[in-house]
Amino acid sequence: MGGDRQMIVGVDEAGRGPLAGPVVAAAVLLCEDGIAGLDDSKKLSAKRRAALEIEIKARCRWGIGEASVEEIDRINILQATFLAMTRAVEALGLEPGEVLVDGNRLPKWRYRARAVVGGDALHPCISAASILAKEHRDRFMTGAALEFPGFGWESNMGYGTAQHLAALRKHGPTPLHRASFAPVAQLTLI
């Protein structure tokens, strides 16, 4: 019975809006019996997200894709997000029957795909992808905060908070800052 079910893969990203760090996407093919308690990663506590990440990785087929700061600056954030999503689906190592992507835009894929606005709250496979992408990116930014202290990345994850913007003005951009994003670009013009 399990062999003929359509392989529906959920895809979501984390990190489109921050001023620093990569954009990360995850792709998840849920296990047949599913994962209890899935929801949009932003609605879950950090503790619950961490527990779900472990369960998803242990029981489901998943892939992670990143697009670097250099790629974001070279091809723009939307195209870099699509690149990260493509890398995540390719990392699954299988040909999906359909890909459900959170949001209103899709990469140009050979796979059958559908954009679903608010999909991370509607489709468990997208919820699972949302959790993996957020946890992966948050870990990256927390590690980067040790290398570049003072920007508050361990708590703001690279978003343009008052603390982050003040540190950016004081210390200037790091190699992890997106030079194509206005608050960073404006500093390089001064």
N, C-alpha and C. Protein backbone atom coordinates (compact mmCIF):
# COMPACT_ATOMS: atom_id res chain seq x y z
N MET A 1 0.84 -1.21 0.00
CA MET A 1 0.00 0.00 0.00
C MET A 1 0.87 1.26 0.00
N GLY A 2 1.93 1.27 0.83
CA GLY A 2 2.74 2.47 0.97
C GLY A 2 3.49 2.86 -0.30
N GLY A 3 3.80 1.89 -1.17
CA GLY A 3 4.58 2.18 -2.35
C GLY A 3 3.86 3.02 -3.39
N ASP A 4 2.50 3.00 -3.38
CA ASP A 4 1.81 3.74 -4.41
C ASP A 4 1.29 5.10 -3.95
N ARG A 5 1.58 5.46 -2.72
CA ARG A 5 1.13 6.80 -2.30
C ARG A 5 1.98 7.85 -3.00
N GLN A 6 1.32 8.95 -3.33
CA GLN A 6 2.05 10.01 -4.03
C GLN A 6 3.03 10.66 -3.07
N MET A 7 4.24 10.90 -3.54
CA MET A 7 5.25 11.51 -2.68
C MET A 7 5.09 13.02 -2.71
N ILE A 8 4.42 13.54 -1.69
CA ILE A 8 4.21 14.99 -1.58
C ILE A 8 5.25 15.54 -0.61
N VAL A 9 6.04 16.47 -1.12
CA VAL A 9 7.14 17.06 -0.35
C VAL A 9 6.76 18.49 0.01
N GLY A 10 6.99 18.87 1.26
CA GLY A 10 6.78 20.24 1.71
C GLY A 10 8.10 20.99 1.72
N VAL A 11 8.05 22.27 1.32
CA VAL A 11 9.25 23.11 1.30
C VAL A 11 8.94 24.45 1.96
N ASP A 12 9.86 24.91 2.79
CA ASP A 12 9.76 26.24 3.37
C ASP A 12 11.17 26.78 3.57
N GLU A 13 11.24 28.09 3.80
CA GLU A 13 12.54 28.74 3.98
C GLU A 13 12.58 29.50 5.29
N ALA A 14 13.77 29.84 5.70
CA ALA A 14 13.99 30.72 6.85
C ALA A 14 15.09 31.69 6.47
N GLY A 15 14.90 32.95 6.82
CA GLY A 15 15.98 33.91 6.64
C GLY A 15 15.91 34.76 5.40
N ARG A 16 14.72 35.04 4.88
CA ARG A 16 14.65 35.96 3.73
C ARG A 16 14.86 37.40 4.17
N GLY A 17 14.36 37.76 5.34
CA GLY A 17 14.37 39.15 5.78
C GLY A 17 15.59 39.67 6.51
N PRO A 18 16.39 38.83 7.15
CA PRO A 18 17.52 39.34 7.93
C PRO A 18 18.56 40.09 7.10
N LEU A 19 19.37 40.86 7.80
CA LEU A 19 20.45 41.63 7.17
C LEU A 19 21.74 40.82 7.05
N ALA A 20 21.77 39.66 7.72
CA ALA A 20 23.00 38.86 7.75
C ALA A 20 22.67 37.38 7.68
N GLY A 21 23.63 36.62 7.18
CA GLY A 21 23.52 35.17 7.15
C GLY A 21 22.86 34.64 5.88
N PRO A 22 22.96 33.32 5.71
CA PRO A 22 22.41 32.68 4.51
C PRO A 22 20.89 32.60 4.58
N VAL A 23 20.27 32.30 3.46
CA VAL A 23 18.87 31.91 3.45
C VAL A 23 18.88 30.38 3.40
N VAL A 24 18.02 29.75 4.20
CA VAL A 24 18.01 28.30 4.34
C VAL A 24 16.63 27.78 3.97
N ALA A 25 16.60 26.68 3.23
CA ALA A 25 15.33 26.02 2.91
C ALA A 25 15.42 24.56 3.34
N ALA A 26 14.26 24.00 3.64
CA ALA A 26 14.18 22.57 3.95
C ALA A 26 13.07 21.96 3.12
N ALA A 27 13.26 20.69 2.78
CA ALA A 27 12.25 19.91 2.07
C ALA A 27 12.00 18.66 2.90
N VAL A 28 10.72 18.30 3.09
CA VAL A 28 10.39 17.15 3.92
C VAL A 28 9.33 16.28 3.24
N LEU A 29 9.61 14.99 3.18
CA LEU A 29 8.62 13.98 2.83
C LEU A 29 8.28 13.30 4.15
N LEU A 30 7.06 13.54 4.63
CA LEU A 30 6.68 13.01 5.94
C LEU A 30 6.63 11.48 5.92
N CYS A 31 6.89 10.89 7.08
CA CYS A 31 6.73 9.45 7.24
C CYS A 31 5.23 9.14 7.15
N GLU A 32 4.89 7.90 6.80
CA GLU A 32 3.49 7.54 6.53
C GLU A 32 2.56 7.84 7.70
N ASP A 33 3.00 7.60 8.92
CA ASP A 33 2.10 7.83 10.07
C ASP A 33 2.17 9.27 10.60
N GLY A 34 2.95 10.11 9.92
CA GLY A 34 3.00 11.53 10.28
C GLY A 34 3.74 11.82 11.58
N ILE A 35 3.76 13.09 11.93
CA ILE A 35 4.42 13.57 13.15
C ILE A 35 3.38 14.39 13.91
N ALA A 36 3.15 14.06 15.16
CA ALA A 36 2.15 14.78 15.96
C ALA A 36 2.67 16.15 16.38
N GLY A 37 1.78 17.14 16.39
CA GLY A 37 2.11 18.46 16.94
C GLY A 37 2.78 19.43 15.98
N LEU A 38 2.79 19.11 14.68
CA LEU A 38 3.41 20.02 13.71
C LEU A 38 2.57 21.29 13.57
N ASP A 39 3.25 22.42 13.39
CA ASP A 39 2.60 23.71 13.17
C ASP A 39 3.65 24.63 12.55
N ASP A 40 3.21 25.81 12.16
CA ASP A 40 4.13 26.84 11.68
C ASP A 40 5.21 27.03 12.75
N SER A 41 6.48 27.00 12.33
CA SER A 41 7.59 27.08 13.29
C SER A 41 7.52 28.32 14.17
N LYS A 42 6.95 29.42 13.64
CA LYS A 42 6.88 30.66 14.42
C LYS A 42 5.86 30.57 15.55
N LYS A 43 4.97 29.60 15.49
CA LYS A 43 3.95 29.44 16.54
C LYS A 43 4.38 28.47 17.64
N LEU A 44 5.53 27.83 17.46
CA LEU A 44 6.00 26.83 18.41
C LEU A 44 7.09 27.41 19.31
N SER A 45 7.16 26.92 20.53
CA SER A 45 8.24 27.34 21.43
C SER A 45 9.56 26.75 20.91
N ALA A 46 10.66 27.38 21.32
CA ALA A 46 11.98 26.90 20.90
C ALA A 46 12.18 25.45 21.35
N LYS A 47 11.73 25.11 22.54
CA LYS A 47 11.88 23.76 23.07
C LYS A 47 11.09 22.76 22.22
N ARG A 48 9.87 23.11 21.86
CA ARG A 48 9.02 22.22 21.06
C ARG A 48 9.60 22.05 19.65
N ARG A 49 10.08 23.16 19.06
CA ARG A 49 10.70 23.09 17.73
C ARG A 49 11.90 22.15 17.74
N ALA A 50 12.73 22.26 18.77
CA ALA A 50 13.94 21.43 18.86
C ALA A 50 13.56 19.95 18.96
N ALA A 51 12.53 19.63 19.75
CA ALA A 51 12.09 18.24 19.90
C ALA A 51 11.52 17.72 18.58
N LEU A 52 10.72 18.56 17.90
CA LEU A 52 10.14 18.15 16.62
C LEU A 52 11.22 17.96 15.56
N GLU A 53 12.24 18.83 15.57
CA GLU A 53 13.33 18.68 14.60
C GLU A 53 13.97 17.31 14.73
N ILE A 54 14.24 16.89 15.95
CA ILE A 54 14.87 15.58 16.18
C ILE A 54 13.98 14.46 15.64
N GLU A 55 12.68 14.55 15.93
CA GLU A 55 11.75 13.52 15.48
C GLU A 55 11.61 13.49 13.95
N ILE A 56 11.50 14.67 13.35
CA ILE A 56 11.38 14.75 11.88
C ILE A 56 12.62 14.14 11.23
N LYS A 57 13.79 14.51 11.71
CA LYS A 57 15.04 14.02 11.11
C LYS A 57 15.19 12.51 11.31
N ALA A 58 14.66 11.98 12.42
CA ALA A 58 14.78 10.54 12.69
C ALA A 58 13.79 9.72 11.88
N ARG A 59 12.61 10.27 11.58
CA ARG A 59 11.53 9.46 11.02
C ARG A 59 11.13 9.80 9.59
N CYS A 60 11.55 10.94 9.07
CA CYS A 60 11.10 11.40 7.74
C CYS A 60 12.28 11.51 6.78
N ARG A 61 11.98 11.63 5.52
CA ARG A 61 13.00 11.93 4.51
C ARG A 61 13.09 13.45 4.43
N TRP A 62 14.29 14.02 4.52
CA TRP A 62 14.43 15.47 4.55
C TRP A 62 15.72 15.91 3.86
N GLY A 63 15.73 17.17 3.44
CA GLY A 63 16.92 17.77 2.85
C GLY A 63 16.99 19.24 3.23
N ILE A 64 18.20 19.74 3.35
CA ILE A 64 18.44 21.16 3.67
C ILE A 64 19.21 21.77 2.50
N GLY A 65 18.85 23.00 2.14
CA GLY A 65 19.59 23.74 1.13
C GLY A 65 19.85 25.15 1.62
N GLU A 66 21.00 25.68 1.29
CA GLU A 66 21.36 27.05 1.67
C GLU A 66 21.74 27.84 0.43
N ALA A 67 21.55 29.14 0.52
CA ALA A 67 22.17 30.06 -0.43
C ALA A 67 22.98 31.05 0.42
N SER A 68 24.21 31.24 0.04
CA SER A 68 25.14 32.06 0.82
C SER A 68 24.86 33.55 0.69
N VAL A 69 25.49 34.31 1.56
CA VAL A 69 25.40 35.77 1.50
C VAL A 69 25.88 36.27 0.13
N GLU A 70 26.97 35.67 -0.38
CA GLU A 70 27.50 36.06 -1.69
C GLU A 70 26.46 35.81 -2.79
N GLU A 71 25.78 34.67 -2.70
CA GLU A 71 24.74 34.36 -3.70
C GLU A 71 23.56 35.31 -3.58
N ILE A 72 23.16 35.62 -2.36
CA ILE A 72 22.07 36.58 -2.13
C ILE A 72 22.41 37.92 -2.77
N ASP A 73 23.63 38.40 -2.53
CA ASP A 73 24.05 39.70 -3.07
C ASP A 73 24.20 39.67 -4.59
N ARG A 74 24.56 38.52 -5.13
CA ARG A 74 24.78 38.42 -6.58
C ARG A 74 23.47 38.26 -7.36
N ILE A 75 22.53 37.43 -6.87
CA ILE A 75 21.35 37.12 -7.69
C ILE A 75 20.04 37.66 -7.11
N ASN A 76 20.03 38.25 -5.96
CA ASN A 76 18.93 38.84 -5.19
C ASN A 76 18.30 37.80 -4.27
N ILE A 77 17.60 38.28 -3.26
CA ILE A 77 17.10 37.39 -2.20
C ILE A 77 16.05 36.41 -2.72
N LEU A 78 15.19 36.83 -3.63
CA LEU A 78 14.16 35.92 -4.13
C LEU A 78 14.80 34.75 -4.90
N GLN A 79 15.72 35.08 -5.81
CA GLN A 79 16.37 34.02 -6.58
C GLN A 79 17.24 33.13 -5.69
N ALA A 80 17.87 33.71 -4.67
CA ALA A 80 18.67 32.93 -3.73
C ALA A 80 17.77 32.00 -2.91
N THR A 81 16.57 32.47 -2.56
CA THR A 81 15.61 31.62 -1.84
C THR A 81 15.21 30.44 -2.72
N PHE A 82 14.94 30.71 -4.00
CA PHE A 82 14.59 29.63 -4.93
C PHE A 82 15.75 28.64 -5.07
N LEU A 83 16.98 29.16 -5.09
CA LEU A 83 18.16 28.31 -5.19
C LEU A 83 18.26 27.40 -3.96
N ALA A 84 18.06 27.97 -2.77
CA ALA A 84 18.10 27.18 -1.53
C ALA A 84 17.00 26.11 -1.55
N MET A 85 15.81 26.47 -2.03
CA MET A 85 14.70 25.50 -2.11
C MET A 85 15.04 24.36 -3.07
N THR A 86 15.62 24.71 -4.21
CA THR A 86 16.01 23.69 -5.19
C THR A 86 17.04 22.75 -4.58
N ARG A 87 18.03 23.31 -3.90
CA ARG A 87 19.06 22.49 -3.24
C ARG A 87 18.45 21.58 -2.19
N ALA A 88 17.44 22.07 -1.46
CA ALA A 88 16.79 21.26 -0.42
C ALA A 88 16.06 20.07 -1.05
N VAL A 89 15.31 20.33 -2.12
CA VAL A 89 14.58 19.23 -2.79
C VAL A 89 15.57 18.23 -3.37
N GLU A 90 16.64 18.73 -4.00
CA GLU A 90 17.65 17.82 -4.57
C GLU A 90 18.34 16.99 -3.49
N ALA A 91 18.49 17.55 -2.30
CA ALA A 91 19.14 16.84 -1.19
C ALA A 91 18.31 15.65 -0.69
N LEU A 92 17.01 15.63 -1.04
CA LEU A 92 16.17 14.49 -0.65
C LEU A 92 16.62 13.21 -1.35
N GLY A 93 17.15 13.36 -2.56
CA GLY A 93 17.60 12.19 -3.31
C GLY A 93 16.46 11.37 -3.87
N LEU A 94 15.33 11.99 -4.14
CA LEU A 94 14.21 11.29 -4.74
C LEU A 94 13.44 12.24 -5.64
N GLU A 95 12.60 11.69 -6.50
CA GLU A 95 11.79 12.49 -7.42
C GLU A 95 10.41 12.65 -6.80
N PRO A 96 10.07 13.86 -6.30
CA PRO A 96 8.77 14.04 -5.66
C PRO A 96 7.63 13.98 -6.66
N GLY A 97 6.46 13.50 -6.19
CA GLY A 97 5.27 13.53 -7.02
C GLY A 97 4.74 14.95 -7.15
N GLU A 98 4.80 15.68 -6.04
CA GLU A 98 4.38 17.08 -6.01
C GLU A 98 5.13 17.78 -4.89
N VAL A 99 5.45 19.04 -5.12
CA VAL A 99 6.11 19.85 -4.08
C VAL A 99 5.16 20.97 -3.69
N LEU A 100 4.91 21.10 -2.39
CA LEU A 100 4.09 22.19 -1.85
C LEU A 100 5.04 23.18 -1.19
N VAL A 101 4.99 24.44 -1.65
CA VAL A 101 5.91 25.47 -1.18
C VAL A 101 5.13 26.52 -0.41
N ASP A 102 5.60 26.86 0.78
CA ASP A 102 4.96 27.93 1.54
C ASP A 102 5.20 29.25 0.83
N GLY A 103 4.13 30.02 0.61
CA GLY A 103 4.26 31.33 -0.01
C GLY A 103 3.45 31.45 -1.28
N ASN A 104 3.77 32.48 -2.07
CA ASN A 104 2.99 32.74 -3.28
C ASN A 104 3.82 32.68 -4.56
N ARG A 105 5.09 32.27 -4.46
CA ARG A 105 5.96 32.18 -5.64
C ARG A 105 6.67 30.82 -5.63
N LEU A 106 6.98 30.36 -6.83
CA LEU A 106 7.64 29.06 -6.99
C LEU A 106 8.91 29.19 -7.83
N PRO A 107 9.91 28.38 -7.52
CA PRO A 107 11.04 28.27 -8.45
C PRO A 107 10.55 27.59 -9.73
N LYS A 108 11.31 27.73 -10.79
CA LYS A 108 11.01 27.00 -12.03
C LYS A 108 11.62 25.61 -11.88
N TRP A 109 10.75 24.62 -11.68
CA TRP A 109 11.18 23.25 -11.43
C TRP A 109 10.63 22.31 -12.47
N ARG A 110 11.27 21.17 -12.59
CA ARG A 110 10.72 20.11 -13.45
C ARG A 110 9.63 19.35 -12.68
N TYR A 111 9.60 19.51 -11.36
CA TYR A 111 8.60 18.82 -10.53
C TYR A 111 7.26 19.54 -10.62
N ARG A 112 6.18 18.78 -10.40
CA ARG A 112 4.88 19.41 -10.23
C ARG A 112 4.92 20.12 -8.88
N ALA A 113 4.51 21.39 -8.85
CA ALA A 113 4.63 22.17 -7.62
C ALA A 113 3.47 23.14 -7.49
N ARG A 114 3.20 23.49 -6.24
CA ARG A 114 2.12 24.42 -5.94
C ARG A 114 2.57 25.35 -4.81
N ALA A 115 2.34 26.65 -4.99
CA ALA A 115 2.59 27.62 -3.91
C ALA A 115 1.34 27.68 -3.05
N VAL A 116 1.53 27.67 -1.72
CA VAL A 116 0.41 27.68 -0.79
C VAL A 116 0.64 28.81 0.23
N VAL A 117 -0.13 29.88 0.12
CA VAL A 117 -0.01 30.99 1.07
C VAL A 117 -0.46 30.49 2.44
N GLY A 118 0.38 30.69 3.45
CA GLY A 118 0.08 30.20 4.80
C GLY A 118 0.19 28.69 4.91
N GLY A 119 0.92 28.09 3.97
CA GLY A 119 1.04 26.63 3.90
C GLY A 119 1.67 26.00 5.12
N ASP A 120 2.52 26.75 5.82
CA ASP A 120 3.18 26.18 7.00
C ASP A 120 2.19 25.91 8.13
N ALA A 121 1.00 26.51 8.08
CA ALA A 121 -0.04 26.23 9.06
C ALA A 121 -1.08 25.25 8.51
N LEU A 122 -1.07 25.01 7.20
CA LEU A 122 -2.11 24.19 6.56
C LEU A 122 -1.66 22.77 6.24
N HIS A 123 -0.42 22.60 5.83
CA HIS A 123 0.08 21.30 5.37
C HIS A 123 1.20 20.83 6.31
N PRO A 124 1.01 19.69 6.97
CA PRO A 124 2.05 19.20 7.90
C PRO A 124 3.43 19.04 7.26
N CYS A 125 3.50 18.68 5.97
CA CYS A 125 4.82 18.53 5.35
C CYS A 125 5.54 19.88 5.24
N ILE A 126 4.77 20.97 5.02
CA ILE A 126 5.38 22.30 4.99
C ILE A 126 5.74 22.74 6.40
N SER A 127 4.88 22.43 7.38
CA SER A 127 5.20 22.75 8.79
C SER A 127 6.52 22.11 9.18
N ALA A 128 6.70 20.84 8.81
CA ALA A 128 7.95 20.13 9.14
C ALA A 128 9.15 20.82 8.49
N ALA A 129 8.99 21.23 7.23
CA ALA A 129 10.07 21.93 6.52
C ALA A 129 10.38 23.26 7.19
N SER A 130 9.33 23.96 7.62
CA SER A 130 9.49 25.24 8.30
C SER A 130 10.32 25.08 9.58
N ILE A 131 10.05 24.01 10.32
CA ILE A 131 10.78 23.75 11.57
C ILE A 131 12.25 23.45 11.28
N LEU A 132 12.51 22.58 10.31
CA LEU A 132 13.91 22.24 10.00
C LEU A 132 14.69 23.45 9.50
N ALA A 133 14.07 24.25 8.63
CA ALA A 133 14.77 25.43 8.09
C ALA A 133 15.09 26.42 9.20
N LYS A 134 14.11 26.70 10.07
CA LYS A 134 14.33 27.67 11.15
C LYS A 134 15.39 27.17 12.13
N GLU A 135 15.31 25.92 12.53
CA GLU A 135 16.28 25.38 13.49
C GLU A 135 17.70 25.41 12.90
N HIS A 136 17.83 25.02 11.64
CA HIS A 136 19.14 25.01 10.98
C HIS A 136 19.74 26.42 10.93
N ARG A 137 18.92 27.39 10.49
CA ARG A 137 19.41 28.76 10.36
C ARG A 137 19.71 29.38 11.72
N ASP A 138 18.83 29.14 12.70
CA ASP A 138 19.07 29.69 14.04
C ASP A 138 20.39 29.17 14.62
N ARG A 139 20.68 27.89 14.40
CA ARG A 139 21.95 27.32 14.88
C ARG A 139 23.13 28.02 14.20
N PHE A 140 23.01 28.25 12.90
CA PHE A 140 24.08 28.95 12.16
C PHE A 140 24.32 30.34 12.75
N MET A 141 23.23 31.10 12.96
CA MET A 141 23.37 32.48 13.45
C MET A 141 23.87 32.52 14.89
N THR A 142 23.47 31.56 15.71
CA THR A 142 23.96 31.50 17.09
C THR A 142 25.47 31.24 17.09
N GLY A 143 25.93 30.37 16.20
CA GLY A 143 27.36 30.13 16.06
C GLY A 143 28.09 31.36 15.54
N ALA A 144 27.48 32.05 14.58
CA ALA A 144 28.09 33.25 14.00
C ALA A 144 28.20 34.37 15.04
N ALA A 145 27.27 34.38 16.02
CA ALA A 145 27.30 35.39 17.08
C ALA A 145 28.56 35.27 17.93
N LEU A 146 29.11 34.07 18.05
CA LEU A 146 30.35 33.87 18.81
C LEU A 146 31.53 34.47 18.04
N GLU A 147 31.48 34.36 16.72
CA GLU A 147 32.56 34.89 15.88
C GLU A 147 32.47 36.41 15.73
N PHE A 148 31.24 36.93 15.72
CA PHE A 148 31.01 38.37 15.56
C PHE A 148 30.12 38.87 16.69
N PRO A 149 30.69 39.01 17.91
CA PRO A 149 29.88 39.43 19.06
C PRO A 149 29.43 40.89 18.94
N GLY A 150 28.37 41.21 19.65
CA GLY A 150 27.89 42.59 19.71
C GLY A 150 26.72 42.88 18.80
N PHE A 151 26.48 42.03 17.80
CA PHE A 151 25.37 42.25 16.87
C PHE A 151 24.06 41.65 17.38
N GLY A 152 24.16 40.80 18.42
CA GLY A 152 22.96 40.20 19.01
C GLY A 152 22.36 39.08 18.20
N TRP A 153 23.16 38.47 17.33
CA TRP A 153 22.62 37.43 16.44
C TRP A 153 22.09 36.23 17.19
N GLU A 154 22.59 36.00 18.42
CA GLU A 154 22.10 34.85 19.19
C GLU A 154 20.62 35.01 19.55
N SER A 155 20.13 36.25 19.53
CA SER A 155 18.71 36.48 19.83
C SER A 155 17.94 37.06 18.65
N ASN A 156 18.58 37.90 17.82
CA ASN A 156 17.83 38.51 16.69
C ASN A 156 17.99 37.74 15.38
N MET A 157 18.86 36.75 15.35
CA MET A 157 19.08 35.89 14.19
C MET A 157 19.41 36.66 12.91
N GLY A 158 19.97 37.86 13.07
CA GLY A 158 20.39 38.65 11.91
C GLY A 158 19.36 39.66 11.43
N TYR A 159 18.18 39.68 12.06
CA TYR A 159 17.17 40.67 11.69
C TYR A 159 17.63 42.05 12.13
N GLY A 160 17.07 43.08 11.53
CA GLY A 160 17.50 44.47 11.76
C GLY A 160 16.92 45.09 13.01
N THR A 161 17.21 44.51 14.16
CA THR A 161 16.76 45.07 15.43
C THR A 161 17.57 46.33 15.76
N ALA A 162 17.11 47.07 16.75
CA ALA A 162 17.83 48.29 17.17
C ALA A 162 19.27 47.94 17.57
N GLN A 163 19.45 46.86 18.32
CA GLN A 163 20.79 46.44 18.75
C GLN A 163 21.67 46.12 17.54
N HIS A 164 21.12 45.39 16.60
CA HIS A 164 21.88 44.99 15.41
C HIS A 164 22.27 46.23 14.59
N LEU A 165 21.32 47.13 14.38
CA LEU A 165 21.59 48.34 13.58
C LEU A 165 22.62 49.24 14.27
N ALA A 166 22.53 49.35 15.60
CA ALA A 166 23.51 50.15 16.35
C ALA A 166 24.91 49.55 16.22
N ALA A 167 25.02 48.24 16.32
CA ALA A 167 26.32 47.57 16.19
C ALA A 167 26.85 47.70 14.76
N LEU A 168 25.95 47.66 13.80
CA LEU A 168 26.34 47.82 12.40
C LEU A 168 26.93 49.21 12.16
N ARG A 169 26.30 50.23 12.75
CA ARG A 169 26.82 51.60 12.62
C ARG A 169 28.17 51.75 13.34
N LYS A 170 28.29 51.09 14.48
CA LYS A 170 29.51 51.22 15.28
C LYS A 170 30.69 50.44 14.67
N HIS A 171 30.44 49.18 14.27
CA HIS A 171 31.53 48.30 13.84
C HIS A 171 31.63 48.12 12.33
N GLY A 172 30.59 48.50 11.61
CA GLY A 172 30.57 48.26 10.16
C GLY A 172 30.15 46.83 9.87
N PRO A 173 29.91 46.53 8.59
CA PRO A 173 29.43 45.20 8.22
C PRO A 173 30.51 44.12 8.37
N THR A 174 30.06 42.92 8.65
CA THR A 174 30.91 41.73 8.71
C THR A 174 30.81 41.02 7.36
N PRO A 175 31.62 39.99 7.14
CA PRO A 175 31.48 39.20 5.90
C PRO A 175 30.12 38.49 5.79
N LEU A 176 29.39 38.38 6.90
CA LEU A 176 28.08 37.72 6.87
C LEU A 176 26.94 38.69 6.59
N HIS A 177 27.23 39.98 6.49
CA HIS A 177 26.18 40.95 6.18
C HIS A 177 25.88 40.96 4.68
N ARG A 178 24.61 41.13 4.37
CA ARG A 178 24.15 41.17 2.98
C ARG A 178 24.33 42.60 2.44
N ALA A 179 25.34 42.79 1.64
CA ALA A 179 25.68 44.13 1.14
C ALA A 179 24.57 44.71 0.26
N SER A 180 23.73 43.85 -0.31
CA SER A 180 22.65 44.32 -1.19
C SER A 180 21.41 44.78 -0.42
N PHE A 181 21.39 44.58 0.90
CA PHE A 181 20.23 45.01 1.70
C PHE A 181 20.45 46.45 2.15
N ALA A 182 19.41 47.27 2.03
CA ALA A 182 19.51 48.72 2.21
C ALA A 182 20.27 49.18 3.46
N PRO A 183 19.95 48.69 4.67
CA PRO A 183 20.67 49.20 5.85
C PRO A 183 22.17 48.94 5.79
N VAL A 184 22.58 47.85 5.16
CA VAL A 184 24.00 47.54 5.03
C VAL A 184 24.60 48.36 3.89
N ALA A 185 23.90 48.43 2.77
CA ALA A 185 24.37 49.18 1.59
C ALA A 185 24.56 50.65 1.92
N GLN A 186 23.65 51.20 2.70
CA GLN A 186 23.74 52.63 3.07
C GLN A 186 24.99 52.92 3.88
N LEU A 187 25.39 51.98 4.75
CA LEU A 187 26.60 52.18 5.54
C LEU A 187 27.85 52.18 4.68
N THR A 188 27.85 51.38 3.63
CA THR A 188 29.03 51.34 2.79
C THR A 188 29.16 52.59 1.92
N LEU A 189 28.08 53.38 1.83
CA LEU A 189 28.13 54.62 1.05
C LEU A 189 28.67 55.79 1.88
N ILE A 190 28.66 55.64 3.20
CA ILE A 190 29.06 56.76 4.08
C ILE A 190 30.57 56.93 4.04
